[in-house]
Amino acid sequence: MEWTEIGTFGVDSGLCWIGDPCYLSDVRGPMKDWPKFCESLGNKDYMQFEEGIACSTAYGDGEYSVEARIENNRVMEIRIKFA
């Protein structure tokens, strides 16, 4: 299948979050206490949470390309190029 660039996204924390956006402001979500959230990541490149996945962008802050594999007008997969 073919991958199509669908846009970019900016990063200002060296971290990518993949999950339902409602958890970003939810007082029960993992990011309710930013310093504690960052501490929980430690030196890991990625970490699974109940609400989503956090991963390092490898190169820190910047703008990264997002590509999608589209089938029958539906996004089937996305990938983010951190390089």
Foldseek 3Di string as FASTA:
>chain_A
DDKDWPFKDWDQFQKDWDFDVVLCPDCPHLCVPPVVSVVVCPPPQKDDDPGTIMGGLVVGTDMWIKIFDDDPNDTPDIDIDSD
